[in-house]
Amino acid sequence: MKPASHHLTRCRRCSAPIVWCLTSANGKRQPVDAEPDATGNVAVSSGADGLLYVRTVTAARPEIRPGEWQAMPHHATCPSPPPRRSSGGAQRAASGAVRPGPWQR
């Protein structure tokens, strides 16, 4: 099964066809390759609201259900992925800032 044409868009970095899905775990947006891939580790389905939803194919739930198609997250296949975001922890430690301790009398 392929996504509907109104779901298709292109990656800003490599121009590959992708679809944006909401993760079933927390509702965050995730880019997924538009072409089905039998080696992919996500399953995409269309919700009743017309949006695409994605879930991870795990050892506990490896089966692809009716109405789903298997694909690969685009971050895994993009030839020019976006730079990784830092949590900021290393930046604070490198700046030499000292965390204030409790007041002592």
N, C-alpha and C. Protein backbone atom coordinates (compact mmCIF):
# COMPACT_ATOMS: atom_id res chain seq x y z
N MET A 1 0.85 -1.18 0.00
CA MET A 1 0.00 0.00 0.00
C MET A 1 0.89 1.24 0.00
N LYS A 2 0.54 2.23 -0.79
CA LYS A 2 1.29 3.47 -0.86
C LYS A 2 0.46 4.59 -0.26
N PRO A 3 1.12 5.66 0.20
CA PRO A 3 0.36 6.79 0.75
C PRO A 3 -0.37 7.55 -0.36
N ALA A 4 -1.45 8.22 0.00
CA ALA A 4 -2.19 9.03 -0.96
C ALA A 4 -1.33 10.21 -1.41
N SER A 5 -1.58 10.69 -2.61
CA SER A 5 -0.75 11.75 -3.19
C SER A 5 -0.80 13.04 -2.37
N HIS A 6 -1.89 13.30 -1.66
CA HIS A 6 -1.96 14.53 -0.88
C HIS A 6 -1.09 14.49 0.38
N HIS A 7 -0.58 13.32 0.74
CA HIS A 7 0.33 13.20 1.88
C HIS A 7 1.79 13.40 1.48
N LEU A 8 2.09 13.28 0.19
CA LEU A 8 3.47 13.34 -0.28
C LEU A 8 4.03 14.75 -0.21
N THR A 9 5.28 14.83 0.19
CA THR A 9 6.05 16.06 0.17
C THR A 9 7.49 15.67 -0.12
N ARG A 10 8.38 16.63 -0.15
CA ARG A 10 9.79 16.34 -0.45
C ARG A 10 10.67 16.79 0.71
N CYS A 11 11.75 16.05 0.94
CA CYS A 11 12.73 16.40 1.96
C CYS A 11 13.42 17.70 1.54
N ARG A 12 13.59 18.63 2.47
CA ARG A 12 14.23 19.90 2.16
C ARG A 12 15.72 19.73 1.88
N ARG A 13 16.32 18.67 2.37
CA ARG A 13 17.76 18.49 2.21
C ARG A 13 18.14 17.67 0.98
N CYS A 14 17.38 16.61 0.68
CA CYS A 14 17.76 15.73 -0.43
C CYS A 14 16.69 15.62 -1.51
N SER A 15 15.54 16.23 -1.32
CA SER A 15 14.42 16.23 -2.28
C SER A 15 13.78 14.87 -2.51
N ALA A 16 14.03 13.91 -1.64
CA ALA A 16 13.40 12.60 -1.75
C ALA A 16 11.93 12.70 -1.34
N PRO A 17 11.05 11.89 -1.95
CA PRO A 17 9.64 11.92 -1.54
C PRO A 17 9.47 11.31 -0.14
N ILE A 18 8.78 12.04 0.73
CA ILE A 18 8.53 11.59 2.10
C ILE A 18 7.09 11.87 2.47
N VAL A 19 6.66 11.29 3.57
CA VAL A 19 5.37 11.61 4.18
C VAL A 19 5.63 11.93 5.65
N TRP A 20 4.87 12.85 6.19
CA TRP A 20 4.98 13.17 7.61
C TRP A 20 3.91 12.39 8.35
N CYS A 21 4.33 11.72 9.41
CA CYS A 21 3.43 10.89 10.21
C CYS A 21 3.49 11.34 11.67
N LEU A 22 2.47 11.00 12.42
CA LEU A 22 2.48 11.20 13.86
C LEU A 22 2.81 9.87 14.51
N THR A 23 3.73 9.89 15.48
CA THR A 23 4.08 8.65 16.16
C THR A 23 2.94 8.23 17.07
N SER A 24 2.67 6.95 17.11
CA SER A 24 1.59 6.45 17.96
C SER A 24 1.97 6.51 19.43
N ALA A 25 3.27 6.56 19.74
CA ALA A 25 3.70 6.57 21.13
C ALA A 25 3.48 7.93 21.79
N ASN A 26 3.83 9.03 21.11
CA ASN A 26 3.73 10.34 21.76
C ASN A 26 3.20 11.44 20.87
N GLY A 27 2.78 11.14 19.65
CA GLY A 27 2.17 12.14 18.78
C GLY A 27 3.14 13.12 18.16
N LYS A 28 4.44 12.83 18.16
CA LYS A 28 5.41 13.72 17.53
C LYS A 28 5.48 13.42 16.03
N ARG A 29 5.86 14.44 15.26
CA ARG A 29 5.97 14.27 13.81
C ARG A 29 7.25 13.54 13.44
N GLN A 30 7.14 12.63 12.47
CA GLN A 30 8.29 11.87 12.02
C GLN A 30 8.24 11.75 10.50
N PRO A 31 9.34 12.08 9.80
CA PRO A 31 9.36 11.88 8.35
C PRO A 31 9.64 10.42 8.03
N VAL A 32 8.91 9.89 7.07
CA VAL A 32 9.04 8.50 6.66
C VAL A 32 9.16 8.48 5.14
N ASP A 33 10.01 7.59 4.61
CA ASP A 33 10.13 7.44 3.17
C ASP A 33 8.78 7.08 2.58
N ALA A 34 8.45 7.68 1.44
CA ALA A 34 7.14 7.46 0.83
C ALA A 34 7.01 6.09 0.20
N GLU A 35 8.13 5.51 -0.23
CA GLU A 35 8.09 4.19 -0.85
C GLU A 35 8.07 3.10 0.22
N PRO A 36 7.18 2.14 0.11
CA PRO A 36 7.19 1.00 1.04
C PRO A 36 8.52 0.26 0.97
N ASP A 37 8.96 -0.26 2.10
CA ASP A 37 10.25 -0.95 2.18
C ASP A 37 10.08 -2.17 3.08
N ALA A 38 10.28 -3.35 2.53
CA ALA A 38 10.10 -4.59 3.29
C ALA A 38 11.12 -4.73 4.41
N THR A 39 12.23 -3.99 4.36
CA THR A 39 13.23 -4.05 5.42
C THR A 39 13.04 -2.93 6.44
N GLY A 40 12.02 -2.10 6.27
CA GLY A 40 11.78 -0.98 7.17
C GLY A 40 11.40 -1.43 8.56
N ASN A 41 11.61 -0.53 9.53
CA ASN A 41 11.30 -0.87 10.92
C ASN A 41 10.13 -0.08 11.48
N VAL A 42 9.32 0.53 10.60
CA VAL A 42 8.11 1.21 11.04
C VAL A 42 6.92 0.76 10.19
N ALA A 43 5.74 0.82 10.77
CA ALA A 43 4.50 0.51 10.08
C ALA A 43 3.65 1.77 10.05
N VAL A 44 3.18 2.14 8.88
CA VAL A 44 2.41 3.37 8.69
C VAL A 44 0.97 3.00 8.38
N SER A 45 0.04 3.73 8.99
CA SER A 45 -1.38 3.52 8.71
C SER A 45 -2.08 4.86 8.64
N SER A 46 -3.20 4.87 7.95
CA SER A 46 -4.00 6.08 7.83
C SER A 46 -5.09 6.04 8.89
N GLY A 47 -5.19 7.12 9.67
CA GLY A 47 -6.19 7.18 10.72
C GLY A 47 -7.54 7.62 10.19
N ALA A 48 -8.57 7.50 11.01
CA ALA A 48 -9.92 7.92 10.64
C ALA A 48 -9.99 9.42 10.39
N ASP A 49 -9.04 10.17 10.98
CA ASP A 49 -9.01 11.62 10.80
C ASP A 49 -8.27 12.05 9.54
N GLY A 50 -7.78 11.07 8.75
CA GLY A 50 -7.08 11.37 7.51
C GLY A 50 -5.59 11.59 7.67
N LEU A 51 -5.08 11.53 8.89
CA LEU A 51 -3.66 11.70 9.13
C LEU A 51 -2.96 10.35 9.09
N LEU A 52 -1.65 10.39 8.86
CA LEU A 52 -0.87 9.16 8.86
C LEU A 52 -0.25 8.96 10.24
N TYR A 53 -0.26 7.73 10.71
CA TYR A 53 0.31 7.38 12.01
C TYR A 53 1.37 6.32 11.79
N VAL A 54 2.42 6.37 12.60
CA VAL A 54 3.53 5.43 12.47
C VAL A 54 3.80 4.78 13.82
N ARG A 55 4.13 3.50 13.77
CA ARG A 55 4.53 2.77 14.97
C ARG A 55 5.77 1.97 14.63
N THR A 56 6.56 1.66 15.64
CA THR A 56 7.77 0.88 15.44
C THR A 56 7.43 -0.60 15.36
N VAL A 57 8.04 -1.27 14.41
CA VAL A 57 7.89 -2.73 14.31
C VAL A 57 8.93 -3.33 15.25
N THR A 58 8.46 -4.02 16.27
CA THR A 58 9.34 -4.58 17.30
C THR A 58 9.28 -6.09 17.29
N ALA A 59 10.15 -6.71 18.06
CA ALA A 59 10.14 -8.17 18.19
C ALA A 59 8.84 -8.63 18.84
N ALA A 60 8.29 -7.80 19.74
CA ALA A 60 7.04 -8.17 20.41
C ALA A 60 5.84 -8.05 19.47
N ARG A 61 5.92 -7.10 18.51
CA ARG A 61 4.83 -6.89 17.55
C ARG A 61 5.40 -6.76 16.14
N PRO A 62 5.91 -7.87 15.57
CA PRO A 62 6.56 -7.79 14.26
C PRO A 62 5.59 -7.82 13.07
N GLU A 63 4.34 -8.15 13.31
CA GLU A 63 3.41 -8.33 12.19
C GLU A 63 2.93 -6.97 11.66
N ILE A 64 2.70 -6.93 10.36
CA ILE A 64 2.11 -5.76 9.72
C ILE A 64 0.62 -6.03 9.62
N ARG A 65 -0.17 -5.17 10.21
CA ARG A 65 -1.62 -5.36 10.26
C ARG A 65 -2.27 -4.96 8.93
N PRO A 66 -3.49 -5.42 8.68
CA PRO A 66 -4.20 -4.99 7.47
C PRO A 66 -4.37 -3.46 7.49
N GLY A 67 -4.12 -2.84 6.37
CA GLY A 67 -4.23 -1.38 6.27
C GLY A 67 -2.93 -0.65 6.56
N GLU A 68 -1.89 -1.37 7.00
CA GLU A 68 -0.59 -0.76 7.26
C GLU A 68 0.37 -1.08 6.12
N TRP A 69 1.40 -0.26 5.99
CA TRP A 69 2.49 -0.56 5.07
C TRP A 69 3.80 -0.32 5.78
N GLN A 70 4.78 -1.15 5.46
CA GLN A 70 6.07 -1.10 6.12
C GLN A 70 6.98 -0.12 5.39
N ALA A 71 7.70 0.71 6.14
CA ALA A 71 8.55 1.72 5.55
C ALA A 71 9.78 1.95 6.42
N MET A 72 10.63 2.85 5.96
CA MET A 72 11.86 3.20 6.67
C MET A 72 11.78 4.67 7.09
N PRO A 73 12.16 5.00 8.33
CA PRO A 73 12.20 6.40 8.72
C PRO A 73 13.18 7.15 7.81
N HIS A 74 12.82 8.36 7.40
CA HIS A 74 13.67 9.08 6.45
C HIS A 74 15.01 9.48 7.06
N HIS A 75 15.07 9.68 8.34
CA HIS A 75 16.35 10.03 8.97
C HIS A 75 17.38 8.94 8.76
N ALA A 76 16.95 7.70 8.59
CA ALA A 76 17.88 6.59 8.39
C ALA A 76 18.39 6.50 6.96
N THR A 77 17.69 7.09 6.00
CA THR A 77 18.07 6.96 4.59
C THR A 77 18.49 8.26 3.94
N CYS A 78 18.29 9.39 4.58
CA CYS A 78 18.62 10.69 3.98
C CYS A 78 20.13 10.81 3.80
N PRO A 79 20.60 11.14 2.58
CA PRO A 79 22.04 11.27 2.37
C PRO A 79 22.63 12.52 3.04
N SER A 80 21.80 13.50 3.38
CA SER A 80 22.30 14.69 4.07
C SER A 80 21.37 15.02 5.24
N PRO A 81 21.46 14.23 6.32
CA PRO A 81 20.55 14.43 7.46
C PRO A 81 20.86 15.74 8.18
N PRO A 82 19.88 16.26 8.92
CA PRO A 82 20.12 17.48 9.69
C PRO A 82 21.13 17.23 10.80
N PRO A 83 21.82 18.27 11.25
CA PRO A 83 22.77 18.07 12.34
C PRO A 83 22.05 17.62 13.61
N ARG A 84 22.73 16.82 14.39
CA ARG A 84 22.15 16.32 15.64
C ARG A 84 22.02 17.46 16.64
N ARG A 85 20.94 17.44 17.36
CA ARG A 85 20.73 18.45 18.40
C ARG A 85 21.44 18.03 19.67
N SER A 86 21.99 19.01 20.36
CA SER A 86 22.67 18.74 21.62
C SER A 86 21.70 18.98 22.76
N SER A 87 21.89 18.23 23.83
CA SER A 87 21.03 18.42 25.00
C SER A 87 21.45 19.66 25.78
N GLY A 88 22.63 20.20 25.46
CA GLY A 88 23.10 21.40 26.15
C GLY A 88 23.93 21.09 27.37
N GLY A 89 23.95 19.86 27.83
CA GLY A 89 24.71 19.49 29.02
C GLY A 89 26.20 19.66 28.84
N ALA A 90 26.71 19.27 27.69
CA ALA A 90 28.14 19.40 27.44
C ALA A 90 28.54 20.86 27.32
N GLN A 91 27.66 21.68 26.78
CA GLN A 91 27.96 23.09 26.64
C GLN A 91 28.11 23.76 28.01
N ARG A 92 27.24 23.45 28.93
CA ARG A 92 27.32 24.05 30.27
C ARG A 92 28.58 23.60 30.99
N ALA A 93 28.93 22.34 30.86
CA ALA A 93 30.12 21.84 31.54
C ALA A 93 31.38 22.48 30.97
N ALA A 94 31.40 22.72 29.68
CA ALA A 94 32.58 23.30 29.04
C ALA A 94 32.72 24.78 29.35
N SER A 95 31.63 25.44 29.71
CA SER A 95 31.69 26.88 29.94
C SER A 95 32.35 27.23 31.28
N GLY A 96 32.53 26.25 32.15
CA GLY A 96 33.17 26.50 33.44
C GLY A 96 32.20 27.02 34.50
N ALA A 97 30.94 27.07 34.18
CA ALA A 97 29.96 27.54 35.16
C ALA A 97 29.84 26.53 36.28
N VAL A 98 29.69 27.05 37.48
CA VAL A 98 29.56 26.19 38.66
C VAL A 98 28.11 26.23 39.11
N ARG A 99 27.58 25.07 39.38
CA ARG A 99 26.22 25.00 39.89
C ARG A 99 26.24 25.47 41.34
N PRO A 100 25.37 26.39 41.70
CA PRO A 100 25.36 26.87 43.08
C PRO A 100 24.98 25.76 44.05
N GLY A 101 25.66 25.74 45.19
CA GLY A 101 25.39 24.74 46.20
C GLY A 101 24.47 25.31 47.26
N PRO A 102 24.10 24.51 48.22
CA PRO A 102 23.24 25.01 49.30
C PRO A 102 23.96 26.06 50.15
N TRP A 103 23.22 26.98 50.69
CA TRP A 103 23.77 28.01 51.55
C TRP A 103 24.27 27.39 52.85
N GLN A 104 25.42 27.83 53.28
CA GLN A 104 25.94 27.34 54.55
C GLN A 104 26.24 28.55 55.43
N ARG A 105 26.00 28.43 56.72
CA ARG A 105 26.24 29.55 57.64
C ARG A 105 27.55 29.42 58.33
